[in-house]
Amino acid sequence: MEQFRSECLRETGTTDEQIEQFNSPQSVQASHELQCYMYCMFRLHNVTRPNGELDLIDVYHAIPKQFNSIALKVLAKCNKWTGPIADACERAYSHHRCWKETEPEVSVRNY
């Protein structure tokens, strides 16, 4: 995962500080670079379709098994919550934000 992180940081120009701010408990406005970082991470983890949409089945299988029941609930909610968003980066951010707001204690910290 560290290799993906480094690659996405380079690709998007996002900083570690931006990621840390997003992962903090308080709500922050994400820059477009951070949104694209989130999309890059999804893409490198092979959980996106060619059109940039998340493949929910692939996301489910990519999540550690101990979070499967939580993942089902969150993925169903967040898929409805995000709705159709044309920009793949904004869509990825919406999914991350929804996950963070729905299950903050299980939010992925190593992204």
PDB file of N, CA and C in Angstrom:
ATOM      1  N   MET A   1       0.818  -1.188   0.000  1.00  0.00           N
ATOM      2  CA  MET A   1       0.000   0.000   0.000  1.00  0.00           C
ATOM      3  C   MET A   1       0.869   1.262   0.000  1.00  0.00           C
ATOM      4  N   GLU A   2       2.039   1.208   0.626  1.00  0.00           N
ATOM      5  CA  GLU A   2       2.931   2.372   0.656  1.00  0.00           C
ATOM      6  C   GLU A   2       3.390   2.748  -0.752  1.00  0.00           C
ATOM      7  N   GLN A   3       3.604   1.741  -1.605  1.00  0.00           N
ATOM      8  CA  GLN A   3       3.997   2.019  -2.984  1.00  0.00           C
ATOM      9  C   GLN A   3       2.878   2.784  -3.699  1.00  0.00           C
ATOM     10  N   PHE A   4       1.621   2.366  -3.489  1.00  0.00           N
ATOM     11  CA  PHE A   4       0.486   3.062  -4.092  1.00  0.00           C
ATOM     12  C   PHE A   4       0.399   4.489  -3.562  1.00  0.00           C
ATOM     13  N   ARG A   5       0.585   4.630  -2.269  1.00  0.00           N
ATOM     14  CA  ARG A   5       0.516   5.958  -1.643  1.00  0.00           C
ATOM     15  C   ARG A   5       1.550   6.889  -2.280  1.00  0.00           C
ATOM     16  N   SER A   6       2.789   6.420  -2.379  1.00  0.00           N
ATOM     17  CA  SER A   6       3.854   7.242  -2.967  1.00  0.00           C
ATOM     18  C   SER A   6       3.541   7.603  -4.410  1.00  0.00           C
ATOM     19  N   GLU A   7       3.062   6.624  -5.165  1.00  0.00           N
ATOM     20  CA  GLU A   7       2.745   6.870  -6.571  1.00  0.00           C
ATOM     21  C   GLU A   7       1.620   7.895  -6.712  1.00  0.00           C
ATOM     22  N   CYS A   8       0.586   7.765  -5.883  1.00  0.00           N
ATOM     23  CA  CYS A   8      -0.549   8.690  -5.963  1.00  0.00           C
ATOM     24  C   CYS A   8      -0.183  10.084  -5.459  1.00  0.00           C
ATOM     25  N   LEU A   9       0.692  10.167  -4.466  1.00  0.00           N
ATOM     26  CA  LEU A   9       1.172  11.477  -4.018  1.00  0.00           C
ATOM     27  C   LEU A   9       1.883  12.185  -5.166  1.00  0.00           C
ATOM     28  N   ARG A  10       2.753  11.458  -5.864  1.00  0.00           N
ATOM     29  CA  ARG A  10       3.483  12.043  -6.999  1.00  0.00           C
ATOM     30  C   ARG A  10       2.527  12.435  -8.127  1.00  0.00           C
ATOM     31  N   GLU A  11       1.603  11.530  -8.441  1.00  0.00           N
ATOM     32  CA  GLU A  11       0.694  11.747  -9.569  1.00  0.00           C
ATOM     33  C   GLU A  11      -0.218  12.954  -9.364  1.00  0.00           C
ATOM     34  N   THR A  12      -0.662  13.172  -8.132  1.00  0.00           N
ATOM     35  CA  THR A  12      -1.686  14.190  -7.884  1.00  0.00           C
ATOM     36  C   THR A  12      -1.164  15.475  -7.256  1.00  0.00           C
ATOM     37  N   GLY A  13       0.036  15.447  -6.697  1.00  0.00           N
ATOM     38  CA  GLY A  13       0.561  16.624  -6.016  1.00  0.00           C
ATOM     39  C   GLY A  13      -0.020  16.824  -4.627  1.00  0.00           C
ATOM     40  N   THR A  14      -0.689  15.817  -4.114  1.00  0.00           N
ATOM     41  CA  THR A  14      -1.243  15.870  -2.757  1.00  0.00           C
ATOM     42  C   THR A  14      -0.102  15.781  -1.755  1.00  0.00           C
ATOM     43  N   THR A  15      -0.316  16.339  -0.572  1.00  0.00           N
ATOM     44  CA  THR A  15       0.695  16.269   0.483  1.00  0.00           C
ATOM     45  C   THR A  15       0.232  15.342   1.600  1.00  0.00           C
ATOM     46  N   ASP A  16       1.199  14.858   2.377  1.00  0.00           N
ATOM     47  CA  ASP A  16       0.872  14.046   3.551  1.00  0.00           C
ATOM     48  C   ASP A  16      -0.007  14.841   4.515  1.00  0.00           C
ATOM     49  N   GLU A  17       0.230  16.135   4.608  1.00  0.00           N
ATOM     50  CA  GLU A  17      -0.552  16.983   5.509  1.00  0.00           C
ATOM     51  C   GLU A  17      -2.025  17.008   5.111  1.00  0.00           C
ATOM     52  N   GLN A  18      -2.298  17.072   3.809  1.00  0.00           N
ATOM     53  CA  GLN A  18      -3.687  17.056   3.347  1.00  0.00           C
ATOM     54  C   GLN A  18      -4.371  15.740   3.730  1.00  0.00           C
ATOM     55  N   ILE A  19      -3.648  14.640   3.598  1.00  0.00           N
ATOM     56  CA  ILE A  19      -4.208  13.330   3.950  1.00  0.00           C
ATOM     57  C   ILE A  19      -4.462  13.259   5.446  1.00  0.00           C
ATOM     58  N   GLU A  20      -3.500  13.729   6.237  1.00  0.00           N
ATOM     59  CA  GLU A  20      -3.666  13.731   7.696  1.00  0.00           C
ATOM     60  C   GLU A  20      -4.853  14.594   8.111  1.00  0.00           C
ATOM     61  N   GLN A  21      -5.020  15.746   7.475  1.00  0.00           N
ATOM     62  CA  GLN A  21      -6.163  16.605   7.794  1.00  0.00           C
ATOM     63  C   GLN A  21      -7.473  15.900   7.479  1.00  0.00           C
ATOM     64  N   PHE A  22      -7.538  15.229   6.328  1.00  0.00           N
ATOM     65  CA  PHE A  22      -8.767  14.509   5.982  1.00  0.00           C
ATOM     66  C   PHE A  22      -9.047  13.404   6.994  1.00  0.00           C
ATOM     67  N   ASN A  23      -8.001  12.711   7.439  1.00  0.00           N
ATOM     68  CA  ASN A  23      -8.171  11.599   8.377  1.00  0.00           C
ATOM     69  C   ASN A  23      -8.443  12.047   9.808  1.00  0.00           C
ATOM     70  N   SER A  24      -8.303  13.333  10.087  1.00  0.00           N
ATOM     71  CA  SER A  24      -8.583  13.827  11.438  1.00  0.00           C
ATOM     72  C   SER A  24     -10.094  13.801  11.682  1.00  0.00           C
ATOM     73  N   PRO A  25     -10.497  13.828  12.950  1.00  0.00           N
ATOM     74  CA  PRO A  25     -11.935  13.761  13.261  1.00  0.00           C
ATOM     75  C   PRO A  25     -12.759  14.936  12.722  1.00  0.00           C
ATOM     76  N   GLN A  26     -12.165  16.102  12.628  1.00  0.00           N
ATOM     77  CA  GLN A  26     -12.930  17.252  12.154  1.00  0.00           C
ATOM     78  C   GLN A  26     -13.112  17.203  10.639  1.00  0.00           C
ATOM     79  N   SER A  27     -14.147  17.867  10.197  1.00  0.00           N
ATOM     80  CA  SER A  27     -14.467  17.913   8.778  1.00  0.00           C
ATOM     81  C   SER A  27     -13.582  18.955   8.094  1.00  0.00           C
ATOM     82  N   VAL A  28     -13.053  18.606   6.941  1.00  0.00           N
ATOM     83  CA  VAL A  28     -12.221  19.540   6.172  1.00  0.00           C
ATOM     84  C   VAL A  28     -12.669  19.528   4.719  1.00  0.00           C
ATOM     85  N   GLN A  29     -12.448  20.635   4.048  1.00  0.00           N
ATOM     86  CA  GLN A  29     -12.730  20.718   2.624  1.00  0.00           C
ATOM     87  C   GLN A  29     -11.536  20.139   1.871  1.00  0.00           C
ATOM     88  N   ALA A  30     -11.784  19.183   1.020  1.00  0.00           N
ATOM     89  CA  ALA A  30     -10.705  18.523   0.283  1.00  0.00           C
ATOM     90  C   ALA A  30     -10.407  19.266  -1.013  1.00  0.00           C
ATOM     91  N   SER A  31      -9.134  19.464  -1.278  1.00  0.00           N
ATOM     92  CA  SER A  31      -8.715  20.058  -2.548  1.00  0.00           C
ATOM     93  C   SER A  31      -8.975  19.053  -3.669  1.00  0.00           C
ATOM     94  N   HIS A  32      -8.988  19.546  -4.895  1.00  0.00           N
ATOM     95  CA  HIS A  32      -9.174  18.632  -6.028  1.00  0.00           C
ATOM     96  C   HIS A  32      -8.009  17.645  -6.106  1.00  0.00           C
ATOM     97  N   GLU A  33      -6.820  18.080  -5.717  1.00  0.00           N
ATOM     98  CA  GLU A  33      -5.663  17.169  -5.704  1.00  0.00           C
ATOM     99  C   GLU A  33      -5.896  16.013  -4.732  1.00  0.00           C
ATOM    100  N   LEU A  34      -6.424  16.308  -3.555  1.00  0.00           N
ATOM    101  CA  LEU A  34      -6.706  15.247  -2.588  1.00  0.00           C
ATOM    102  C   LEU A  34      -7.809  14.330  -3.104  1.00  0.00           C
ATOM    103  N   GLN A  35      -8.813  14.904  -3.728  1.00  0.00           N
ATOM    104  CA  GLN A  35      -9.876  14.083  -4.308  1.00  0.00           C
ATOM    105  C   GLN A  35      -9.298  13.141  -5.366  1.00  0.00           C
ATOM    106  N   CYS A  36      -8.389  13.648  -6.186  1.00  0.00           N
ATOM    107  CA  CYS A  36      -7.770  12.813  -7.223  1.00  0.00           C
ATOM    108  C   CYS A  36      -6.829  11.778  -6.618  1.00  0.00           C
ATOM    109  N   TYR A  37      -6.218  12.096  -5.489  1.00  0.00           N
ATOM    110  CA  TYR A  37      -5.409  11.116  -4.764  1.00  0.00           C
ATOM    111  C   TYR A  37      -6.291   9.934  -4.359  1.00  0.00           C
ATOM    112  N   MET A  38      -7.480  10.228  -3.858  1.00  0.00           N
ATOM    113  CA  MET A  38      -8.397   9.167  -3.439  1.00  0.00           C
ATOM    114  C   MET A  38      -8.812   8.309  -4.629  1.00  0.00           C
ATOM    115  N   TYR A  39      -9.066   8.951  -5.762  1.00  0.00           N
ATOM    116  CA  TYR A  39      -9.397   8.194  -6.970  1.00  0.00           C
ATOM    117  C   TYR A  39      -8.206   7.343  -7.411  1.00  0.00           C
ATOM    118  N   CYS A  40      -7.015   7.903  -7.356  1.00  0.00           N
ATOM    119  CA  CYS A  40      -5.801   7.170  -7.721  1.00  0.00           C
ATOM    120  C   CYS A  40      -5.653   5.914  -6.868  1.00  0.00           C
ATOM    121  N   MET A  41      -5.891   6.042  -5.566  1.00  0.00           N
ATOM    122  CA  MET A  41      -5.786   4.881  -4.675  1.00  0.00           C
ATOM    123  C   MET A  41      -6.815   3.820  -5.044  1.00  0.00           C
ATOM    124  N   PHE A  42      -8.040   4.231  -5.330  1.00  0.00           N
ATOM    125  CA  PHE A  42      -9.053   3.271  -5.776  1.00  0.00           C
ATOM    126  C   PHE A  42      -8.590   2.582  -7.057  1.00  0.00           C
ATOM    127  N   ARG A  43      -8.099   3.387  -8.001  1.00  0.00           N
ATOM    128  CA  ARG A  43      -7.674   2.853  -9.296  1.00  0.00           C
ATOM    129  C   ARG A  43      -6.532   1.846  -9.145  1.00  0.00           C
ATOM    130  N   LEU A  44      -5.525   2.186  -8.348  1.00  0.00           N
ATOM    131  CA  LEU A  44      -4.383   1.288  -8.180  1.00  0.00           C
ATOM    132  C   LEU A  44      -4.742   0.028  -7.397  1.00  0.00           C
ATOM    133  N   HIS A  45      -5.793   0.102  -6.587  1.00  0.00           N
ATOM    134  CA  HIS A  45      -6.276  -1.091  -5.885  1.00  0.00           C
ATOM    135  C   HIS A  45      -7.247  -1.900  -6.749  1.00  0.00           C
ATOM    136  N   ASN A  46      -7.406  -1.486  -8.005  1.00  0.00           N
ATOM    137  CA  ASN A  46      -8.254  -2.200  -8.974  1.00  0.00           C
ATOM    138  C   ASN A  46      -9.700  -2.337  -8.518  1.00  0.00           C
ATOM    139  N   VAL A  47     -10.265  -1.269  -7.976  1.00  0.00           N
ATOM    140  CA  VAL A  47     -11.660  -1.310  -7.543  1.00  0.00           C
ATOM    141  C   VAL A  47     -12.523  -0.320  -8.335  1.00  0.00           C
ATOM    142  N   THR A  48     -12.025   0.110  -9.496  1.00  0.00           N
ATOM    143  CA  THR A  48     -12.802   0.996 -10.352  1.00  0.00           C
ATOM    144  C   THR A  48     -13.078   0.313 -11.682  1.00  0.00           C
ATOM    145  N   ARG A  49     -14.165   0.717 -12.285  1.00  0.00           N
ATOM    146  CA  ARG A  49     -14.519   0.253 -13.630  1.00  0.00           C
ATOM    147  C   ARG A  49     -13.839   1.179 -14.634  1.00  0.00           C
ATOM    148  N   PRO A  50     -13.820   0.806 -15.913  1.00  0.00           N
ATOM    149  CA  PRO A  50     -13.184   1.669 -16.920  1.00  0.00           C
ATOM    150  C   PRO A  50     -13.745   3.097 -16.969  1.00  0.00           C
ATOM    151  N   ASN A  51     -15.025   3.277 -16.607  1.00  0.00           N
ATOM    152  CA  ASN A  51     -15.621   4.621 -16.636  1.00  0.00           C
ATOM    153  C   ASN A  51     -15.352   5.420 -15.359  1.00  0.00           C
ATOM    154  N   GLY A  52     -14.585   4.846 -14.412  1.00  0.00           N
ATOM    155  CA  GLY A  52     -14.247   5.544 -13.180  1.00  0.00           C
ATOM    156  C   GLY A  52     -15.173   5.253 -12.015  1.00  0.00           C
ATOM    157  N   GLU A  53     -16.289   4.577 -12.273  1.00  0.00           N
ATOM    158  CA  GLU A  53     -17.210   4.200 -11.192  1.00  0.00           C
ATOM    159  C   GLU A  53     -16.546   3.163 -10.303  1.00  0.00           C
ATOM    160  N   LEU A  54     -16.907   3.173  -9.016  1.00  0.00           N
ATOM    161  CA  LEU A  54     -16.420   2.136  -8.113  1.00  0.00           C
ATOM    162  C   LEU A  54     -17.128   0.830  -8.409  1.00  0.00           C
ATOM    163  N   ASP A  55     -16.382  -0.247  -8.390  1.00  0.00           N
ATOM    164  CA  ASP A  55     -16.965  -1.580  -8.476  1.00  0.00           C
ATOM    165  C   ASP A  55     -17.147  -2.042  -7.038  1.00  0.00           C
ATOM    166  N   LEU A  56     -18.370  -1.994  -6.553  1.00  0.00           N
ATOM    167  CA  LEU A  56     -18.634  -2.258  -5.142  1.00  0.00           C
ATOM    168  C   LEU A  56     -18.237  -3.665  -4.722  1.00  0.00           C
ATOM    169  N   ILE A  57     -18.349  -4.619  -5.615  1.00  0.00           N
ATOM    170  CA  ILE A  57     -17.936  -5.993  -5.293  1.00  0.00           C
ATOM    171  C   ILE A  57     -16.429  -6.044  -5.093  1.00  0.00           C
ATOM    172  N   ASP A  58     -15.682  -5.383  -5.972  1.00  0.00           N
ATOM    173  CA  ASP A  58     -14.224  -5.354  -5.819  1.00  0.00           C
ATOM    174  C   ASP A  58     -13.811  -4.610  -4.549  1.00  0.00           C
ATOM    175  N   VAL A  59     -14.512  -3.516  -4.224  1.00  0.00           N
ATOM    176  CA  VAL A  59     -14.213  -2.787  -2.984  1.00  0.00           C
ATOM    177  C   VAL A  59     -14.448  -3.704  -1.794  1.00  0.00           C
ATOM    178  N   TYR A  60     -15.579  -4.397  -1.787  1.00  0.00           N
ATOM    179  CA  TYR A  60     -15.917  -5.309  -0.691  1.00  0.00           C
ATOM    180  C   TYR A  60     -14.810  -6.345  -0.494  1.00  0.00           C
ATOM    181  N   HIS A  61     -14.322  -6.922  -1.589  1.00  0.00           N
ATOM    182  CA  HIS A  61     -13.284  -7.953  -1.489  1.00  0.00           C
ATOM    183  C   HIS A  61     -11.917  -7.382  -1.118  1.00  0.00           C
ATOM    184  N   ALA A  62     -11.706  -6.098  -1.356  1.00  0.00           N
ATOM    185  CA  ALA A  62     -10.424  -5.470  -1.024  1.00  0.00           C
ATOM    186  C   ALA A  62     -10.335  -5.081   0.451  1.00  0.00           C
ATOM    187  N   ILE A  63     -11.471  -4.988   1.114  1.00  0.00           N
ATOM    188  CA  ILE A  63     -11.514  -4.580   2.521  1.00  0.00           C
ATOM    189  C   ILE A  63     -11.187  -5.780   3.404  1.00  0.00           C
ATOM    190  N   PRO A  64     -10.395  -5.594   4.457  1.00  0.00           N
ATOM    191  CA  PRO A  64     -10.082  -6.712   5.360  1.00  0.00           C
ATOM    192  C   PRO A  64     -11.354  -7.409   5.856  1.00  0.00           C
ATOM    193  N   LYS A  65     -11.288  -8.733   5.922  1.00  0.00           N
ATOM    194  CA  LYS A  65     -12.449  -9.571   6.255  1.00  0.00           C
ATOM    195  C   LYS A  65     -13.151  -9.158   7.544  1.00  0.00           C
ATOM    196  N   GLN A  66     -12.411  -8.700   8.542  1.00  0.00           N
ATOM    197  CA  GLN A  66     -13.049  -8.353   9.814  1.00  0.00           C
ATOM    198  C   GLN A  66     -14.021  -7.176   9.679  1.00  0.00           C
ATOM    199  N   PHE A  67     -13.962  -6.463   8.560  1.00  0.00           N
ATOM    200  CA  PHE A  67     -14.852  -5.323   8.346  1.00  0.00           C
ATOM    201  C   PHE A  67     -15.964  -5.621   7.342  1.00  0.00           C
ATOM    202  N   ASN A  68     -16.130  -6.882   6.939  1.00  0.00           N
ATOM    203  CA  ASN A  68     -17.111  -7.218   5.906  1.00  0.00           C
ATOM    204  C   ASN A  68     -18.528  -6.755   6.228  1.00  0.00           C
ATOM    205  N   SER A  69     -19.004  -7.000   7.447  1.00  0.00           N
ATOM    206  CA  SER A  69     -20.387  -6.622   7.760  1.00  0.00           C
ATOM    207  C   SER A  69     -20.552  -5.102   7.742  1.00  0.00           C
ATOM    208  N   ILE A  70     -19.566  -4.396   8.250  1.00  0.00           N
ATOM    209  CA  ILE A  70     -19.605  -2.933   8.218  1.00  0.00           C
ATOM    210  C   ILE A  70     -19.520  -2.452   6.770  1.00  0.00           C
ATOM    211  N   ALA A  71     -18.656  -3.093   5.990  1.00  0.00           N
ATOM    212  CA  ALA A  71     -18.467  -2.688   4.598  1.00  0.00           C
ATOM    213  C   ALA A  71     -19.763  -2.790   3.806  1.00  0.00           C
ATOM    214  N   LEU A  72     -20.528  -3.854   4.015  1.00  0.00           N
ATOM    215  CA  LEU A  72     -21.796  -4.004   3.292  1.00  0.00           C
ATOM    216  C   LEU A  72     -22.724  -2.830   3.569  1.00  0.00           C
ATOM    217  N   LYS A  73     -22.856  -2.484   4.832  1.00  0.00           N
ATOM    218  CA  LYS A  73     -23.732  -1.376   5.230  1.00  0.00           C
ATOM    219  C   LYS A  73     -23.231  -0.055   4.639  1.00  0.00           C
ATOM    220  N   VAL A  74     -21.946   0.191   4.785  1.00  0.00           N
ATOM    221  CA  VAL A  74     -21.379   1.462   4.330  1.00  0.00           C
ATOM    222  C   VAL A  74     -21.421   1.575   2.809  1.00  0.00           C
ATOM    223  N   LEU A  75     -21.052   0.516   2.108  1.00  0.00           N
ATOM    224  CA  LEU A  75     -21.047   0.570   0.644  1.00  0.00           C
ATOM    225  C   LEU A  75     -22.445   0.812   0.092  1.00  0.00           C
ATOM    226  N   ALA A  76     -23.442   0.157   0.676  1.00  0.00           N
ATOM    227  CA  ALA A  76     -24.820   0.368   0.217  1.00  0.00           C
ATOM    228  C   ALA A  76     -25.246   1.814   0.453  1.00  0.00           C
ATOM    229  N   LYS A  77     -24.970   2.327   1.646  1.00  0.00           N
ATOM    230  CA  LYS A  77     -25.354   3.707   1.971  1.00  0.00           C
ATOM    231  C   LYS A  77     -24.600   4.704   1.100  1.00  0.00           C
ATOM    232  N   CYS A  78     -23.298   4.535   1.008  1.00  0.00           N
ATOM    233  CA  CYS A  78     -22.474   5.521   0.310  1.00  0.00           C
ATOM    234  C   CYS A  78     -22.717   5.510  -1.189  1.00  0.00           C
ATOM    235  N   ASN A  79     -23.052   4.370  -1.745  1.00  0.00           N
ATOM    236  CA  ASN A  79     -23.343   4.317  -3.171  1.00  0.00           C
ATOM    237  C   ASN A  79     -24.593   5.143  -3.479  1.00  0.00           C
ATOM    238  N   LYS A  80     -25.596   5.086  -2.601  1.00  0.00           N
ATOM    239  CA  LYS A  80     -26.811   5.899  -2.770  1.00  0.00           C
ATOM    240  C   LYS A  80     -26.519   7.365  -2.454  1.00  0.00           C
ATOM    241  N   TRP A  81     -25.724   7.592  -1.428  1.00  0.00           N
ATOM    242  CA  TRP A  81     -25.430   8.933  -0.928  1.00  0.00           C
ATOM    243  C   TRP A  81     -24.660   9.765  -1.942  1.00  0.00           C
ATOM    244  N   THR A  82     -23.706   9.138  -2.625  1.00  0.00           N
ATOM    245  CA  THR A  82     -22.864   9.897  -3.548  1.00  0.00           C
ATOM    246  C   THR A  82     -23.607  10.255  -4.823  1.00  0.00           C
ATOM    247  N   GLY A  83     -24.491   9.391  -5.273  1.00  0.00           N
ATOM    248  CA  GLY A  83     -25.243   9.669  -6.485  1.00  0.00           C
ATOM    249  C   GLY A  83     -24.338   9.782  -7.699  1.00  0.00           C
ATOM    250  N   PRO A  84     -24.914  10.177  -8.825  1.00  0.00           N
ATOM    251  CA  PRO A  84     -24.103  10.293 -10.041  1.00  0.00           C
ATOM    252  C   PRO A  84     -23.260  11.575 -10.025  1.00  0.00           C
ATOM    253  N   ILE A  85     -21.967  11.411 -10.028  1.00  0.00           N
ATOM    254  CA  ILE A  85     -21.033  12.540 -10.071  1.00  0.00           C
ATOM    255  C   ILE A  85     -20.127  12.306 -11.272  1.00  0.00           C
ATOM    256  N   ALA A  86     -20.083  13.271 -12.176  1.00  0.00           N
ATOM    257  CA  ALA A  86     -19.336  13.090 -13.421  1.00  0.00           C
ATOM    258  C   ALA A  86     -17.832  12.975 -13.201  1.00  0.00           C
ATOM    259  N   ASP A  87     -17.286  13.789 -12.310  1.00  0.00           N
ATOM    260  CA  ASP A  87     -15.841  13.809 -12.089  1.00  0.00           C
ATOM    261  C   ASP A  87     -15.424  12.626 -11.205  1.00  0.00           C
ATOM    262  N   ALA A  88     -14.545  11.767 -11.716  1.00  0.00           N
ATOM    263  CA  ALA A  88     -14.121  10.567 -10.976  1.00  0.00           C
ATOM    264  C   ALA A  88     -13.444  10.921  -9.656  1.00  0.00           C
ATOM    265  N   CYS A  89     -12.699  12.019  -9.624  1.00  0.00           N
ATOM    266  CA  CYS A  89     -12.024  12.429  -8.387  1.00  0.00           C
ATOM    267  C   CYS A  89     -13.042  12.844  -7.326  1.00  0.00           C
ATOM    268  N   GLU A  90     -14.026  13.637  -7.729  1.00  0.00           N
ATOM    269  CA  GLU A  90     -15.069  14.055  -6.783  1.00  0.00           C
ATOM    270  C   GLU A  90     -15.864  12.855  -6.285  1.00  0.00           C
ATOM    271  N   ARG A  91     -16.133  11.911  -7.185  1.00  0.00           N
ATOM    272  CA  ARG A  91     -16.882  10.706  -6.818  1.00  0.00           C
ATOM    273  C   ARG A  91     -16.104   9.891  -5.790  1.00  0.00           C
ATOM    274  N   ALA A  92     -14.801   9.724  -5.992  1.00  0.00           N
ATOM    275  CA  ALA A  92     -13.971   8.977  -5.041  1.00  0.00           C
ATOM    276  C   ALA A  92     -13.971   9.678  -3.686  1.00  0.00           C
ATOM    277  N   TYR A  93     -13.841  10.997  -3.699  1.00  0.00           N
ATOM    278  CA  TYR A  93     -13.869  11.762  -2.455  1.00  0.00           C
ATOM    279  C   TYR A  93     -15.205  11.587  -1.739  1.00  0.00           C
ATOM    280  N   SER A  94     -16.296  11.635  -2.478  1.00  0.00           N
ATOM    281  CA  SER A  94     -17.618  11.472  -1.866  1.00  0.00           C
ATOM    282  C   SER A  94     -17.738  10.129  -1.167  1.00  0.00           C
ATOM    283  N   HIS A  95     -17.201   9.082  -1.786  1.00  0.00           N
ATOM    284  CA  HIS A  95     -17.226   7.759  -1.147  1.00  0.00           C
ATOM    285  C   HIS A  95     -16.381   7.757   0.126  1.00  0.00           C
ATOM    286  N   HIS A  96     -15.193   8.330   0.059  1.00  0.00           N
ATOM    287  CA  HIS A  96     -14.324   8.386   1.248  1.00  0.00           C
ATOM    288  C   HIS A  96     -14.979   9.200   2.362  1.00  0.00           C
ATOM    289  N   ARG A  97     -15.551  10.343   2.005  1.00  0.00           N
ATOM    290  CA  ARG A  97     -16.195  11.192   3.005  1.00  0.00           C
ATOM    291  C   ARG A  97     -17.393  10.483   3.636  1.00  0.00           C
ATOM    292  N   CYS A  98     -18.186   9.803   2.820  1.00  0.00           N
ATOM    293  CA  CYS A  98     -19.340   9.074   3.340  1.00  0.00           C
ATOM    294  C   CYS A  98     -18.886   7.980   4.298  1.00  0.00           C
ATOM    295  N   TRP A  99     -17.839   7.238   3.912  1.00  0.00           N
ATOM    296  CA  TRP A  99     -17.321   6.178   4.788  1.00  0.00           C
ATOM    297  C   TRP A  99     -16.871   6.789   6.121  1.00  0.00           C
ATOM    298  N   LYS A 100     -16.125   7.881   6.039  1.00  0.00           N
ATOM    299  CA  LYS A 100     -15.611   8.543   7.244  1.00  0.00           C
ATOM    300  C   LYS A 100     -16.750   8.996   8.151  1.00  0.00           C
ATOM    301  N   GLU A 101     -17.806   9.537   7.576  1.00  0.00           N
ATOM    302  CA  GLU A 101     -18.928  10.022   8.374  1.00  0.00           C
ATOM    303  C   GLU A 101     -19.805   8.885   8.894  1.00  0.00           C
ATOM    304  N   THR A 102     -19.880   7.788   8.147  1.00  0.00           N
ATOM    305  CA  THR A 102     -20.734   6.665   8.542  1.00  0.00           C
ATOM    306  C   THR A 102     -20.068   5.779   9.579  1.00  0.00           C
ATOM    307  N   GLU A 103     -18.801   5.460   9.382  1.00  0.00           N
ATOM    308  CA  GLU A 103     -18.052   4.568  10.280  1.00  0.00           C
ATOM    309  C   GLU A 103     -16.669   5.158  10.554  1.00  0.00           C
ATOM    310  N   PRO A 104     -16.599   6.267  11.275  1.00  0.00           N
ATOM    311  CA  PRO A 104     -15.301   6.936  11.469  1.00  0.00           C
ATOM    312  C   PRO A 104     -14.259   6.083  12.175  1.00  0.00           C
ATOM    313  N   GLU A 105     -14.675   5.187  13.063  1.00  0.00           N
ATOM    314  CA  GLU A 105     -13.701   4.369  13.789  1.00  0.00           C
ATOM    315  C   GLU A 105     -13.065   3.301  12.904  1.00  0.00           C
ATOM    316  N   VAL A 106     -13.644   3.050  11.745  1.00  0.00           N
ATOM    317  CA  VAL A 106     -13.098   2.041  10.843  1.00  0.00           C
ATOM    318  C   VAL A 106     -12.525   2.702   9.595  1.00  0.00           C
ATOM    319  N   SER A 107     -12.525   3.999   9.562  1.00  0.00           N
ATOM    320  CA  SER A 107     -12.018   4.724   8.406  1.00  0.00           C
ATOM    321  C   SER A 107     -10.580   4.307   8.117  1.00  0.00           C
ATOM    322  N   VAL A 108     -10.264   4.174   6.854  1.00  0.00           N
ATOM    323  CA  VAL A 108      -8.933   3.723   6.455  1.00  0.00           C
ATOM    324  C   VAL A 108      -7.920   4.824   6.742  1.00  0.00           C
ATOM    325  N   ARG A 109      -6.998   4.563   7.638  1.00  0.00           N
ATOM    326  CA  ARG A 109      -6.018   5.577   8.056  1.00  0.00           C
ATOM    327  C   ARG A 109      -4.737   5.545   7.236  1.00  0.00           C
ATOM    328  N   ASN A 110      -4.467   4.471   6.555  1.00  0.00           N
ATOM    329  CA  ASN A 110      -3.199   4.360   5.831  1.00  0.00           C
ATOM    330  C   ASN A 110      -3.292   4.842   4.396  1.00  0.00           C
ATOM    331  N   TYR A 111      -4.432   5.386   4.007  1.00  0.00           N
ATOM    332  CA  TYR A 111      -4.551   5.923   2.659  1.00  0.00           C
ATOM    333  C   TYR A 111      -3.763   7.189   2.610  1.00  0.00           C
TER     334      TYR A 111
END
